[in-house]
All heavy atoms as atom14 arrays in JSON, in Angstrom:
{
  "sequence": "IRDAYDKNLLIPIAEWLPFEDAWPALRASLPHAQRFRASRETPALRLG",
  "atom14_mask": [
    [1, 1, 1, 1, 1, 1, 1, 1, 0, 0, 0, 0, 0, 0],
    [1, 1, 1, 1, 1, 1, 1, 1, 1, 1, 1, 0, 0, 0],
    [1, 1, 1, 1, 1, 1, 1, 1, 0, 0, 0, 0, 0, 0],
    [1, 1, 1, 1, 1, 0, 0, 0, 0, 0, 0, 0, 0, 0],
    [1, 1, 1, 1, 1, 1, 1, 1, 1, 1, 1, 1, 0, 0],
    [1, 1, 1, 1, 1, 1, 1, 1, 0, 0, 0, 0, 0, 0],
    [1, 1, 1, 1, 1, 1, 1, 1, 1, 0, 0, 0, 0, 0],
    [1, 1, 1, 1, 1, 1, 1, 1, 0, 0, 0, 0, 0, 0],
    [1, 1, 1, 1, 1, 1, 1, 1, 0, 0, 0, 0, 0, 0],
    [1, 1, 1, 1, 1, 1, 1, 1, 0, 0, 0, 0, 0, 0],
    [1, 1, 1, 1, 1, 1, 1, 1, 0, 0, 0, 0, 0, 0],
    [1, 1, 1, 1, 1, 1, 1, 0, 0, 0, 0, 0, 0, 0],
    [1, 1, 1, 1, 1, 1, 1, 1, 0, 0, 0, 0, 0, 0],
    [1, 1, 1, 1, 1, 0, 0, 0, 0, 0, 0, 0, 0, 0],
    [1, 1, 1, 1, 1, 1, 1, 1, 1, 0, 0, 0, 0, 0],
    [1, 1, 1, 1, 1, 1, 1, 1, 1, 1, 1, 1, 1, 1],
    [1, 1, 1, 1, 1, 1, 1, 1, 0, 0, 0, 0, 0, 0],
    [1, 1, 1, 1, 1, 1, 1, 0, 0, 0, 0, 0, 0, 0],
    [1, 1, 1, 1, 1, 1, 1, 1, 1, 1, 1, 0, 0, 0],
    [1, 1, 1, 1, 1, 1, 1, 1, 1, 0, 0, 0, 0, 0],
    [1, 1, 1, 1, 1, 1, 1, 1, 0, 0, 0, 0, 0, 0],
    [1, 1, 1, 1, 1, 0, 0, 0, 0, 0, 0, 0, 0, 0],
    [1, 1, 1, 1, 1, 1, 1, 1, 1, 1, 1, 1, 1, 1],
    [1, 1, 1, 1, 1, 1, 1, 0, 0, 0, 0, 0, 0, 0],
    [1, 1, 1, 1, 1, 0, 0, 0, 0, 0, 0, 0, 0, 0],
    [1, 1, 1, 1, 1, 1, 1, 1, 0, 0, 0, 0, 0, 0],
    [1, 1, 1, 1, 1, 1, 1, 1, 1, 1, 1, 0, 0, 0],
    [1, 1, 1, 1, 1, 0, 0, 0, 0, 0, 0, 0, 0, 0],
    [1, 1, 1, 1, 1, 1, 0, 0, 0, 0, 0, 0, 0, 0],
    [1, 1, 1, 1, 1, 1, 1, 1, 0, 0, 0, 0, 0, 0],
    [1, 1, 1, 1, 1, 1, 1, 0, 0, 0, 0, 0, 0, 0],
    [1, 1, 1, 1, 1, 1, 1, 1, 1, 1, 0, 0, 0, 0],
    [1, 1, 1, 1, 1, 0, 0, 0, 0, 0, 0, 0, 0, 0],
    [1, 1, 1, 1, 1, 1, 1, 1, 1, 0, 0, 0, 0, 0],
    [1, 1, 1, 1, 1, 1, 1, 1, 1, 1, 1, 0, 0, 0],
    [1, 1, 1, 1, 1, 1, 1, 1, 1, 1, 1, 0, 0, 0],
    [1, 1, 1, 1, 1, 1, 1, 1, 1, 1, 1, 0, 0, 0],
    [1, 1, 1, 1, 1, 0, 0, 0, 0, 0, 0, 0, 0, 0],
    [1, 1, 1, 1, 1, 1, 0, 0, 0, 0, 0, 0, 0, 0],
    [1, 1, 1, 1, 1, 1, 1, 1, 1, 1, 1, 0, 0, 0],
    [1, 1, 1, 1, 1, 1, 1, 1, 1, 0, 0, 0, 0, 0],
    [1, 1, 1, 1, 1, 1, 1, 0, 0, 0, 0, 0, 0, 0],
    [1, 1, 1, 1, 1, 1, 1, 0, 0, 0, 0, 0, 0, 0],
    [1, 1, 1, 1, 1, 0, 0, 0, 0, 0, 0, 0, 0, 0],
    [1, 1, 1, 1, 1, 1, 1, 1, 0, 0, 0, 0, 0, 0],
    [1, 1, 1, 1, 1, 1, 1, 1, 1, 1, 1, 0, 0, 0],
    [1, 1, 1, 1, 1, 1, 1, 1, 0, 0, 0, 0, 0, 0],
    [1, 1, 1, 1, 0, 0, 0, 0, 0, 0, 0, 0, 0, 0]
  ],
  "atom14_positions": [
    [[-49.23, -4.66, 33.98], [-49.58, -5.98, 34.52], [-49.14, -7.01, 33.6], [-49.78, -7.24, 32.51], [-51.17, -6.04, 34.72], [-51.6, -4.94, 35.74], [-51.62, -7.3, 35.2], [-53.14, -4.83, 35.76], [0.0, 0.0, 0.0], [0.0, 0.0, 0.0], [0.0, 0.0, 0.0], [0.0, 0.0, 0.0], [0.0, 0.0, 0.0], [0.0, 0.0, 0.0]],
    [[-48.24, -7.83, 33.96], [-47.66, -8.91, 33.11], [-48.14, -10.33, 33.77], [-48.04, -11.32, 32.95], [-46.17, -8.78, 33.0], [-45.75, -7.59, 32.28], [-44.12, -7.58, 32.2], [-43.87, -6.39, 31.21], [-43.55, -5.21, 31.76], [-43.67, -5.0, 33.0], [-43.19, -4.24, 30.85], [0.0, 0.0, 0.0], [0.0, 0.0, 0.0], [0.0, 0.0, 0.0]],
    [[-48.49, -10.4, 34.99], [-48.72, -11.68, 35.53], [-50.08, -11.71, 36.18], [-50.51, -10.61, 36.82], [-47.73, -11.98, 36.58], [-46.34, -12.31, 36.07], [-46.17, -12.72, 34.98], [-45.24, -12.12, 36.93], [0.0, 0.0, 0.0], [0.0, 0.0, 0.0], [0.0, 0.0, 0.0], [0.0, 0.0, 0.0], [0.0, 0.0, 0.0], [0.0, 0.0, 0.0]],
    [[-50.87, -12.87, 36.18], [-52.08, -13.09, 36.78], [-52.26, -14.48, 37.03], [-51.7, -15.38, 36.4], [-53.18, -12.55, 35.75], [0.0, 0.0, 0.0], [0.0, 0.0, 0.0], [0.0, 0.0, 0.0], [0.0, 0.0, 0.0], [0.0, 0.0, 0.0], [0.0, 0.0, 0.0], [0.0, 0.0, 0.0], [0.0, 0.0, 0.0], [0.0, 0.0, 0.0]],
    [[-52.99, -14.83, 38.05], [-53.39, -16.08, 38.52], [-54.95, -16.2, 38.52], [-55.64, -15.3, 39.08], [-52.84, -16.44, 39.75], [-53.5, -17.69, 40.57], [-53.38, -18.93, 39.91], [-54.47, -17.45, 41.5], [-54.03, -20.04, 40.53], [-55.14, -18.58, 41.95], [-54.95, -19.9, 41.56], [-55.57, -20.8, 42.1], [0.0, 0.0, 0.0], [0.0, 0.0, 0.0]],
    [[-55.5, -17.23, 37.83], [-57.0, -17.44, 37.84], [-57.33, -18.45, 38.9], [-56.7, -19.72, 38.83], [-57.44, -17.8, 36.52], [-57.1, -16.61, 35.42], [-57.23, -15.59, 35.86], [-56.96, -17.0, 34.24], [0.0, 0.0, 0.0], [0.0, 0.0, 0.0], [0.0, 0.0, 0.0], [0.0, 0.0, 0.0], [0.0, 0.0, 0.0], [0.0, 0.0, 0.0]],
    [[-58.35, -18.38, 39.72], [-58.65, -19.24, 40.7], [-59.1, -20.53, 40.02], [-59.77, -20.66, 39.13], [-59.85, -18.74, 41.47], [-60.33, -19.49, 42.72], [-61.38, -18.71, 43.51], [-61.68, -19.47, 44.76], [-62.93, -18.99, 45.5], [0.0, 0.0, 0.0], [0.0, 0.0, 0.0], [0.0, 0.0, 0.0], [0.0, 0.0, 0.0], [0.0, 0.0, 0.0]],
    [[-58.66, -21.65, 40.72], [-58.92, -23.03, 40.31], [-60.0, -23.62, 41.03], [-60.93, -24.28, 40.24], [-57.65, -23.83, 40.6], [-56.39, -23.72, 39.76], [-55.72, -24.63, 39.42], [-56.24, -22.53, 39.35], [0.0, 0.0, 0.0], [0.0, 0.0, 0.0], [0.0, 0.0, 0.0], [0.0, 0.0, 0.0], [0.0, 0.0, 0.0], [0.0, 0.0, 0.0]],
    [[-60.18, -23.54, 42.3], [-61.31, -24.07, 43.02], [-62.43, -23.13, 43.3], [-62.27, -22.39, 44.29], [-60.67, -24.62, 44.49], [-59.48, -25.55, 44.32], [-58.98, -25.91, 45.75], [-59.71, -26.75, 43.51], [0.0, 0.0, 0.0], [0.0, 0.0, 0.0], [0.0, 0.0, 0.0], [0.0, 0.0, 0.0], [0.0, 0.0, 0.0], [0.0, 0.0, 0.0]],
    [[-63.45, -23.16, 42.48], [-64.56, -22.34, 42.62], [-65.5, -22.85, 43.65], [-65.84, -24.07, 43.82], [-65.21, -22.18, 41.22], [-64.38, -21.6, 40.13], [-65.03, -21.39, 38.86], [-63.6, -20.23, 40.56], [0.0, 0.0, 0.0], [0.0, 0.0, 0.0], [0.0, 0.0, 0.0], [0.0, 0.0, 0.0], [0.0, 0.0, 0.0], [0.0, 0.0, 0.0]],
    [[-66.18, -21.73, 44.15], [-67.19, -22.27, 45.3], [-68.74, -22.28, 44.53], [-69.09, -21.33, 43.99], [-67.35, -21.21, 46.44], [-65.9, -21.07, 47.09], [-68.36, -21.49, 47.36], [-65.81, -20.0, 48.05], [0.0, 0.0, 0.0], [0.0, 0.0, 0.0], [0.0, 0.0, 0.0], [0.0, 0.0, 0.0], [0.0, 0.0, 0.0], [0.0, 0.0, 0.0]],
    [[-69.35, -23.43, 44.74], [-70.62, -23.63, 44.1], [-71.66, -22.47, 44.64], [-71.48, -22.12, 45.77], [-70.98, -25.03, 44.42], [-69.71, -25.68, 44.86], [-68.9, -24.72, 45.34], [0.0, 0.0, 0.0], [0.0, 0.0, 0.0], [0.0, 0.0, 0.0], [0.0, 0.0, 0.0], [0.0, 0.0, 0.0], [0.0, 0.0, 0.0], [0.0, 0.0, 0.0]],
    [[-72.56, -22.15, 43.76], [-73.5, -21.12, 44.15], [-72.97, -19.77, 44.07], [-73.6, -18.77, 43.42], [-74.32, -21.32, 45.46], [-74.76, -22.87, 45.52], [-75.39, -20.5, 45.65], [-75.7, -23.2, 44.41], [0.0, 0.0, 0.0], [0.0, 0.0, 0.0], [0.0, 0.0, 0.0], [0.0, 0.0, 0.0], [0.0, 0.0, 0.0], [0.0, 0.0, 0.0]],
    [[-71.82, -19.56, 44.71], [-71.21, -18.15, 44.76], [-70.59, -17.85, 43.43], [-70.74, -16.83, 42.89], [-70.36, -18.06, 45.9], [0.0, 0.0, 0.0], [0.0, 0.0, 0.0], [0.0, 0.0, 0.0], [0.0, 0.0, 0.0], [0.0, 0.0, 0.0], [0.0, 0.0, 0.0], [0.0, 0.0, 0.0], [0.0, 0.0, 0.0], [0.0, 0.0, 0.0]],
    [[-69.64, -18.78, 42.88], [-68.89, -18.58, 41.74], [-69.25, -19.37, 40.52], [-68.93, -19.05, 39.43], [-67.49, -18.78, 42.15], [-66.95, -17.89, 43.25], [-65.53, -18.16, 43.53], [-65.18, -19.36, 43.82], [-64.79, -17.15, 43.75], [0.0, 0.0, 0.0], [0.0, 0.0, 0.0], [0.0, 0.0, 0.0], [0.0, 0.0, 0.0], [0.0, 0.0, 0.0]],
    [[-70.14, -20.38, 40.7], [-70.65, -21.02, 39.58], [-71.99, -21.79, 39.96], [-72.1, -22.05, 41.24], [-69.68, -21.94, 38.8], [-69.37, -23.13, 39.78], [-68.5, -23.2, 40.87], [-69.8, -24.55, 39.56], [-68.44, -24.42, 41.4], [-69.14, -25.31, 40.64], [-70.71, -25.16, 38.64], [-69.51, -26.67, 40.77], [-70.81, -26.55, 38.9], [-70.19, -27.32, 39.91]],
    [[-72.85, -21.97, 38.97], [-74.02, -22.68, 39.4], [-74.12, -24.04, 38.77], [-74.07, -24.26, 37.65], [-75.24, -21.88, 38.75], [-75.73, -20.55, 39.49], [-76.81, -19.91, 38.67], [-76.11, -21.03, 40.93], [0.0, 0.0, 0.0], [0.0, 0.0, 0.0], [0.0, 0.0, 0.0], [0.0, 0.0, 0.0], [0.0, 0.0, 0.0], [0.0, 0.0, 0.0]],
    [[-74.09, -25.2, 39.68], [-74.25, -26.49, 39.24], [-75.62, -26.57, 38.52], [-76.69, -26.23, 38.95], [-74.16, -27.31, 40.5], [-73.53, -26.35, 41.57], [-73.94, -25.05, 41.21], [0.0, 0.0, 0.0], [0.0, 0.0, 0.0], [0.0, 0.0, 0.0], [0.0, 0.0, 0.0], [0.0, 0.0, 0.0], [0.0, 0.0, 0.0], [0.0, 0.0, 0.0]],
    [[-75.62, -27.47, 37.59], [-76.84, -27.86, 36.79], [-77.46, -26.59, 36.1], [-78.79, -26.71, 35.83], [-77.85, -28.43, 37.61], [-77.22, -29.64, 38.55], [-77.18, -29.4, 39.92], [-76.68, -30.7, 38.03], [-76.65, -30.48, 40.71], [-76.1, -31.76, 38.63], [-76.0, -31.64, 40.09], [0.0, 0.0, 0.0], [0.0, 0.0, 0.0], [0.0, 0.0, 0.0]],
    [[-76.91, -25.44, 35.94], [-77.49, -24.27, 35.29], [-78.05, -24.52, 33.95], [-79.01, -24.04, 33.5], [-76.42, -23.1, 35.26], [-77.06, -21.81, 34.67], [-76.03, -20.78, 34.62], [-74.82, -20.98, 34.81], [-76.37, -19.63, 34.28], [0.0, 0.0, 0.0], [0.0, 0.0, 0.0], [0.0, 0.0, 0.0], [0.0, 0.0, 0.0], [0.0, 0.0, 0.0]],
    [[-77.23, -25.36, 33.11], [-77.64, -25.62, 31.76], [-78.94, -26.48, 31.7], [-79.79, -26.2, 30.87], [-76.53, -26.4, 30.95], [-75.24, -25.46, 30.81], [-75.6, -24.14, 30.86], [-74.23, -25.99, 30.5], [0.0, 0.0, 0.0], [0.0, 0.0, 0.0], [0.0, 0.0, 0.0], [0.0, 0.0, 0.0], [0.0, 0.0, 0.0], [0.0, 0.0, 0.0]],
    [[-79.07, -27.38, 32.72], [-80.22, -28.25, 32.73], [-81.47, -27.44, 33.33], [-82.66, -27.79, 32.99], [-79.99, -29.49, 33.47], [0.0, 0.0, 0.0], [0.0, 0.0, 0.0], [0.0, 0.0, 0.0], [0.0, 0.0, 0.0], [0.0, 0.0, 0.0], [0.0, 0.0, 0.0], [0.0, 0.0, 0.0], [0.0, 0.0, 0.0], [0.0, 0.0, 0.0]],
    [[-81.31, -26.53, 34.29], [-82.39, -25.88, 34.85], [-82.09, -24.37, 34.87], [-81.54, -23.74, 35.9], [-82.47, -26.19, 36.26], [-83.08, -27.56, 36.46], [-84.27, -28.05, 36.06], [-82.31, -28.73, 36.9], [-84.46, -29.41, 36.31], [-83.32, -29.79, 36.79], [-81.13, -29.01, 37.5], [-82.88, -31.06, 37.19], [-80.78, -30.17, 37.9], [-81.63, -31.25, 37.75]],
    [[-82.28, -23.6, 33.74], [-81.82, -22.22, 33.55], [-82.68, -21.3, 34.58], [-82.26, -20.28, 34.88], [-82.54, -21.85, 32.2], [-82.57, -23.16, 31.5], [-82.89, -24.26, 32.44], [0.0, 0.0, 0.0], [0.0, 0.0, 0.0], [0.0, 0.0, 0.0], [0.0, 0.0, 0.0], [0.0, 0.0, 0.0], [0.0, 0.0, 0.0], [0.0, 0.0, 0.0]],
    [[-83.74, -21.84, 35.24], [-84.39, -21.02, 36.27], [-83.59, -20.78, 37.47], [-83.85, -19.82, 38.25], [-85.64, -21.8, 36.62], [0.0, 0.0, 0.0], [0.0, 0.0, 0.0], [0.0, 0.0, 0.0], [0.0, 0.0, 0.0], [0.0, 0.0, 0.0], [0.0, 0.0, 0.0], [0.0, 0.0, 0.0], [0.0, 0.0, 0.0], [0.0, 0.0, 0.0]],
    [[-82.52, -21.51, 37.66], [-81.59, -21.3, 38.77], [-81.01, -19.88, 38.73], [-80.76, -19.2, 39.74], [-80.53, -22.4, 38.79], [-80.78, -23.83, 39.36], [-79.6, -24.71, 39.08], [-81.15, -23.67, 40.71], [0.0, 0.0, 0.0], [0.0, 0.0, 0.0], [0.0, 0.0, 0.0], [0.0, 0.0, 0.0], [0.0, 0.0, 0.0], [0.0, 0.0, 0.0]],
    [[-80.59, -19.58, 37.44], [-80.05, -18.13, 37.35], [-81.01, -17.01, 37.82], [-80.55, -16.17, 38.52], [-79.66, -17.98, 35.93], [-79.18, -16.56, 35.45], [-78.02, -16.12, 36.32], [-76.8, -17.03, 36.21], [-75.76, -17.02, 36.85], [-75.65, -15.98, 37.71], [-74.79, -17.92, 36.69], [0.0, 0.0, 0.0], [0.0, 0.0, 0.0], [0.0, 0.0, 0.0]],
    [[-82.27, -17.23, 37.54], [-83.31, -16.23, 37.95], [-83.35, -16.16, 39.63], [-83.64, -15.21, 40.26], [-84.58, -16.39, 37.29], [0.0, 0.0, 0.0], [0.0, 0.0, 0.0], [0.0, 0.0, 0.0], [0.0, 0.0, 0.0], [0.0, 0.0, 0.0], [0.0, 0.0, 0.0], [0.0, 0.0, 0.0], [0.0, 0.0, 0.0], [0.0, 0.0, 0.0]],
    [[-83.27, -17.42, 40.19], [-83.38, -17.54, 41.58], [-82.04, -17.06, 42.39], [-82.31, -16.72, 43.6], [-83.71, -19.08, 41.96], [-84.86, -19.48, 41.31], [0.0, 0.0, 0.0], [0.0, 0.0, 0.0], [0.0, 0.0, 0.0], [0.0, 0.0, 0.0], [0.0, 0.0, 0.0], [0.0, 0.0, 0.0], [0.0, 0.0, 0.0], [0.0, 0.0, 0.0]],
    [[-81.03, -17.17, 41.78], [-79.77, -16.81, 42.29], [-79.06, -15.73, 41.51], [-78.01, -16.08, 40.8], [-78.87, -18.08, 42.49], [-79.4, -19.15, 43.27], [-78.77, -20.41, 43.16], [-79.46, -18.74, 44.87], [0.0, 0.0, 0.0], [0.0, 0.0, 0.0], [0.0, 0.0, 0.0], [0.0, 0.0, 0.0], [0.0, 0.0, 0.0], [0.0, 0.0, 0.0]],
    [[-79.51, -14.54, 41.47], [-79.1, -13.45, 40.44], [-77.58, -13.03, 40.76], [-77.01, -12.43, 40.01], [-79.97, -12.37, 40.64], [-80.56, -12.47, 41.97], [-80.71, -14.12, 42.26], [0.0, 0.0, 0.0], [0.0, 0.0, 0.0], [0.0, 0.0, 0.0], [0.0, 0.0, 0.0], [0.0, 0.0, 0.0], [0.0, 0.0, 0.0], [0.0, 0.0, 0.0]],
    [[-77.18, -13.15, 42.07], [-75.8, -12.74, 42.33], [-74.81, -13.66, 42.2], [-73.53, -13.52, 42.43], [-75.81, -12.25, 43.84], [-76.79, -11.11, 43.99], [-76.54, -9.9, 43.36], [-77.85, -10.92, 44.95], [-77.5, -9.04, 43.8], [-78.23, -9.61, 44.75], [0.0, 0.0, 0.0], [0.0, 0.0, 0.0], [0.0, 0.0, 0.0], [0.0, 0.0, 0.0]],
    [[-75.08, -14.91, 41.77], [-74.07, -16.0, 41.5], [-73.24, -15.65, 40.37], [-73.77, -15.16, 39.26], [-74.81, -17.35, 41.36], [0.0, 0.0, 0.0], [0.0, 0.0, 0.0], [0.0, 0.0, 0.0], [0.0, 0.0, 0.0], [0.0, 0.0, 0.0], [0.0, 0.0, 0.0], [0.0, 0.0, 0.0], [0.0, 0.0, 0.0], [0.0, 0.0, 0.0]],
    [[-71.96, -15.74, 40.55], [-71.04, -15.5, 39.32], [-70.86, -16.6, 38.29], [-71.44, -17.73, 38.61], [-69.64, -15.19, 39.82], [-69.62, -14.07, 40.83], [-69.89, -12.7, 40.1], [-69.5, -12.4, 38.96], [-70.51, -11.8, 40.76], [0.0, 0.0, 0.0], [0.0, 0.0, 0.0], [0.0, 0.0, 0.0], [0.0, 0.0, 0.0], [0.0, 0.0, 0.0]],
    [[-70.35, -16.4, 37.16], [-70.13, -17.33, 36.11], [-68.64, -17.44, 35.76], [-68.28, -17.05, 34.69], [-70.93, -17.14, 34.86], [-72.55, -17.22, 34.97], [-73.11, -16.98, 33.83], [-74.56, -17.36, 33.66], [-75.4, -17.12, 32.72], [-74.97, -16.45, 31.72], [-76.69, -17.59, 32.76], [0.0, 0.0, 0.0], [0.0, 0.0, 0.0], [0.0, 0.0, 0.0]],
    [[-68.03, -17.84, 36.72], [-66.5, -17.88, 36.64], [-65.99, -19.15, 35.85], [-66.72, -20.27, 36.1], [-65.71, -17.69, 37.83], [-65.84, -16.23, 38.4], [-65.98, -16.08, 39.67], [-65.72, -15.08, 37.65], [-66.18, -14.83, 40.36], [-65.82, -13.98, 38.19], [-66.02, -13.69, 39.56], [0.0, 0.0, 0.0], [0.0, 0.0, 0.0], [0.0, 0.0, 0.0]],
    [[-64.85, -19.21, 35.24], [-64.31, -20.35, 34.63], [-63.22, -20.74, 35.67], [-62.4, -19.92, 36.05], [-63.75, -20.09, 33.24], [-63.01, -21.26, 32.66], [-62.19, -20.92, 31.42], [-61.11, -19.96, 31.8], [-59.82, -20.44, 32.14], [-59.6, -21.73, 32.35], [-58.85, -19.49, 32.57], [0.0, 0.0, 0.0], [0.0, 0.0, 0.0], [0.0, 0.0, 0.0]],
    [[-63.14, -22.12, 35.92], [-62.05, -22.56, 36.81], [-60.85, -22.73, 36.02], [-60.86, -23.55, 34.96], [-62.51, -23.88, 37.57], [0.0, 0.0, 0.0], [0.0, 0.0, 0.0], [0.0, 0.0, 0.0], [0.0, 0.0, 0.0], [0.0, 0.0, 0.0], [0.0, 0.0, 0.0], [0.0, 0.0, 0.0], [0.0, 0.0, 0.0], [0.0, 0.0, 0.0]],
    [[-59.78, -22.36, 36.44], [-58.37, -22.5, 35.64], [-57.81, -23.76, 36.25], [-58.13, -24.34, 37.35], [-57.43, -21.29, 35.99], [-56.21, -21.49, 35.36], [0.0, 0.0, 0.0], [0.0, 0.0, 0.0], [0.0, 0.0, 0.0], [0.0, 0.0, 0.0], [0.0, 0.0, 0.0], [0.0, 0.0, 0.0], [0.0, 0.0, 0.0], [0.0, 0.0, 0.0]],
    [[-56.79, -24.31, 35.43], [-56.02, -25.51, 36.01], [-54.62, -25.05, 36.15], [-53.79, -26.02, 36.42], [-56.06, -26.62, 35.03], [-57.53, -27.2, 34.92], [-57.7, -28.39, 34.03], [-59.06, -29.0, 33.96], [-59.47, -29.96, 33.14], [-58.52, -30.53, 32.45], [-60.69, -30.38, 33.2], [0.0, 0.0, 0.0], [0.0, 0.0, 0.0], [0.0, 0.0, 0.0]],
    [[-54.15, -23.91, 35.89], [-52.87, -23.42, 35.98], [-52.61, -22.73, 37.26], [-53.43, -22.07, 37.84], [-52.51, -22.63, 34.84], [-52.66, -23.52, 33.37], [-52.43, -22.48, 32.26], [-52.15, -21.24, 32.42], [-52.27, -23.07, 31.23], [0.0, 0.0, 0.0], [0.0, 0.0, 0.0], [0.0, 0.0, 0.0], [0.0, 0.0, 0.0], [0.0, 0.0, 0.0]],
    [[-51.38, -22.84, 37.77], [-50.94, -22.2, 39.13], [-49.73, -21.39, 38.95], [-48.78, -21.8, 39.65], [-50.83, -23.17, 40.15], [-49.95, -24.14, 39.8], [-52.32, -23.84, 40.58], [0.0, 0.0, 0.0], [0.0, 0.0, 0.0], [0.0, 0.0, 0.0], [0.0, 0.0, 0.0], [0.0, 0.0, 0.0], [0.0, 0.0, 0.0], [0.0, 0.0, 0.0]],
    [[-49.66, -20.4, 38.09], [-48.34, -19.74, 37.8], [-48.05, -18.78, 39.14], [-48.96, -18.25, 39.83], [-48.66, -18.81, 36.68], [-50.19, -18.58, 36.7], [-50.76, -19.88, 37.33], [0.0, 0.0, 0.0], [0.0, 0.0, 0.0], [0.0, 0.0, 0.0], [0.0, 0.0, 0.0], [0.0, 0.0, 0.0], [0.0, 0.0, 0.0], [0.0, 0.0, 0.0]],
    [[-46.8, -18.5, 39.28], [-46.35, -17.49, 40.26], [-46.54, -16.21, 39.75], [-46.34, -15.89, 38.49], [-44.96, -17.71, 40.66], [0.0, 0.0, 0.0], [0.0, 0.0, 0.0], [0.0, 0.0, 0.0], [0.0, 0.0, 0.0], [0.0, 0.0, 0.0], [0.0, 0.0, 0.0], [0.0, 0.0, 0.0], [0.0, 0.0, 0.0], [0.0, 0.0, 0.0]],
    [[-46.83, -15.2, 40.5], [-46.75, -13.63, 40.19], [-45.37, -13.15, 40.6], [-44.96, -13.32, 41.74], [-47.92, -12.92, 40.83], [-49.34, -13.37, 40.75], [-50.22, -12.36, 41.35], [-49.59, -13.72, 39.29], [0.0, 0.0, 0.0], [0.0, 0.0, 0.0], [0.0, 0.0, 0.0], [0.0, 0.0, 0.0], [0.0, 0.0, 0.0], [0.0, 0.0, 0.0]],
    [[-44.69, -12.74, 39.66], [-43.19, -12.39, 39.8], [-42.92, -10.93, 40.08], [-43.35, -10.05, 39.38], [-42.44, -12.99, 38.63], [-42.45, -14.39, 38.5], [-42.12, -14.8, 37.05], [-43.0, -14.21, 36.09], [-42.87, -14.37, 34.77], [-41.99, -14.92, 34.23], [-43.87, -13.83, 33.99], [0.0, 0.0, 0.0], [0.0, 0.0, 0.0], [0.0, 0.0, 0.0]],
    [[-42.22, -10.64, 41.21], [-41.82, -9.23, 41.49], [-40.26, -9.31, 42.02], [-40.14, -9.69, 43.08], [-42.62, -8.63, 42.59], [-42.21, -7.27, 43.0], [-42.49, -6.22, 41.86], [-43.12, -6.79, 44.27], [0.0, 0.0, 0.0], [0.0, 0.0, 0.0], [0.0, 0.0, 0.0], [0.0, 0.0, 0.0], [0.0, 0.0, 0.0], [0.0, 0.0, 0.0]],
    [[-39.35, -8.93, 40.97], [-37.92, -9.07, 41.21], [-37.62, -10.48, 41.7], [-37.94, -11.4, 40.87], [0.0, 0.0, 0.0], [0.0, 0.0, 0.0], [0.0, 0.0, 0.0], [0.0, 0.0, 0.0], [0.0, 0.0, 0.0], [0.0, 0.0, 0.0], [0.0, 0.0, 0.0], [0.0, 0.0, 0.0], [0.0, 0.0, 0.0], [0.0, 0.0, 0.0]]
  ]
}
């Protein structure tokens, strides 16, 4: 595995929690929400 692309546009609630730092109780209320980092790069995955 030499190439990877990280998602740029994350979906609120599902992939990140808005205001989580201000209201930590959100994490307990939404245990399945992910904590992904949004990338700003859009590289190609290369195969031949």
